[in-house]
């Protein structure tokens, strides 16, 4: 999946946080909705501008960030 097609970062939008396709919906927002138990269908119902692919792109973006996270042993 080409995440740059779905996840955008603009300094003048939502404080430069990663957003979905230039919308004002952040990756964090989508992840919070999923973590709270909302289904993809419920999220799309509340935000009809989103698609299932957008939601999956948010998950892939978060996974990629986690993979790149460097842990320094104590």
Protein backbone atom coordinates (compact mmCIF):
# COMPACT_ATOMS: atom_id res chain seq x y z
CA UNK A 1 0.00 0.00 0.00
CA UNK A 2 1.35 3.42 -0.95
CA UNK A 3 0.72 5.22 2.34
CA UNK A 4 1.60 8.63 0.87
CA UNK A 5 -1.54 8.31 -1.24
CA UNK A 6 -3.69 8.04 1.91
CA UNK A 7 -1.79 9.70 4.75
CA UNK A 8 -0.74 13.34 4.42
CA UNK A 9 1.19 15.63 6.71
CA UNK A 10 0.64 19.36 6.27
CA UNK A 11 2.14 21.82 8.74
CA UNK A 12 -0.91 24.10 8.57
CA UNK A 13 -3.45 21.32 9.17
CA UNK A 14 -4.09 19.81 12.62
CA UNK A 15 -0.67 20.96 13.81
CA UNK A 16 1.19 18.87 11.26
CA UNK A 17 -0.25 15.58 12.52
CA UNK A 18 -0.71 12.78 9.98
CA UNK A 19 -4.17 13.09 8.42
CA UNK A 20 -6.25 11.01 6.05
CA UNK A 21 -6.04 12.27 2.44
CA UNK A 22 -5.67 15.92 3.44
CA UNK A 23 -8.87 15.84 5.47
CA UNK A 24 -8.92 17.14 9.04
CA UNK A 25 -9.26 13.58 10.36
CA UNK A 26 -6.00 12.41 11.91
CA UNK A 27 -4.57 8.91 11.99
CA UNK A 28 -4.77 9.22 15.78
CA UNK A 29 -8.52 9.96 15.57
CA UNK A 30 -9.15 6.82 13.53
CA UNK A 31 -7.00 4.68 15.83
CA UNK A 32 -8.84 6.03 18.88
CA UNK A 33 -12.21 5.18 17.32
CA UNK A 34 -11.04 1.63 16.59
CA UNK A 35 -9.54 1.27 20.07
CA UNK A 36 -12.81 2.39 21.65
CA UNK A 37 -14.58 -0.48 19.91
CA UNK A 38 -16.09 1.26 16.89
CA UNK A 39 -16.30 -0.87 13.77
CA UNK A 40 -15.12 0.29 10.36
CA UNK A 41 -18.77 0.61 9.36
CA UNK A 42 -19.57 2.84 12.36
CA UNK A 43 -16.61 5.09 11.63
CA UNK A 44 -17.61 5.41 7.98
CA UNK A 45 -21.21 6.13 9.02
CA UNK A 46 -19.98 8.98 11.25
CA UNK A 47 -17.40 10.17 8.70
CA UNK A 48 -18.73 9.27 5.22
CA UNK A 49 -15.71 10.87 3.54
CA UNK A 50 -13.60 7.97 4.86
CA UNK A 51 -13.28 4.58 3.18
CA UNK A 52 -12.28 1.17 4.47
CA UNK A 53 -8.99 1.63 2.63
CA UNK A 54 -8.39 4.88 4.53
CA UNK A 55 -8.91 3.05 7.83
CA UNK A 56 -6.53 0.27 6.79
CA UNK A 57 -3.99 2.89 5.74
CA UNK A 58 -4.16 4.38 9.25
CA UNK A 59 -3.44 0.96 10.72
CA UNK A 60 -0.58 0.37 8.28
CA UNK A 61 0.87 3.81 9.04
CA UNK A 62 0.78 3.12 12.79
CA UNK A 63 2.35 -0.31 12.28
CA UNK A 64 5.13 1.20 10.17
CA UNK A 65 5.85 3.83 12.83
CA UNK A 66 5.95 1.16 15.51
CA UNK A 67 8.31 -0.94 13.42
CA UNK A 68 10.68 2.01 13.09
CA UNK A 69 10.57 2.83 16.80
CA UNK A 70 13.98 2.43 18.35
CA UNK A 71 14.12 0.98 21.85
CA UNK A 72 17.16 1.74 23.98
CA UNK A 73 17.83 -0.96 26.58
CA UNK A 74 17.92 0.28 30.19
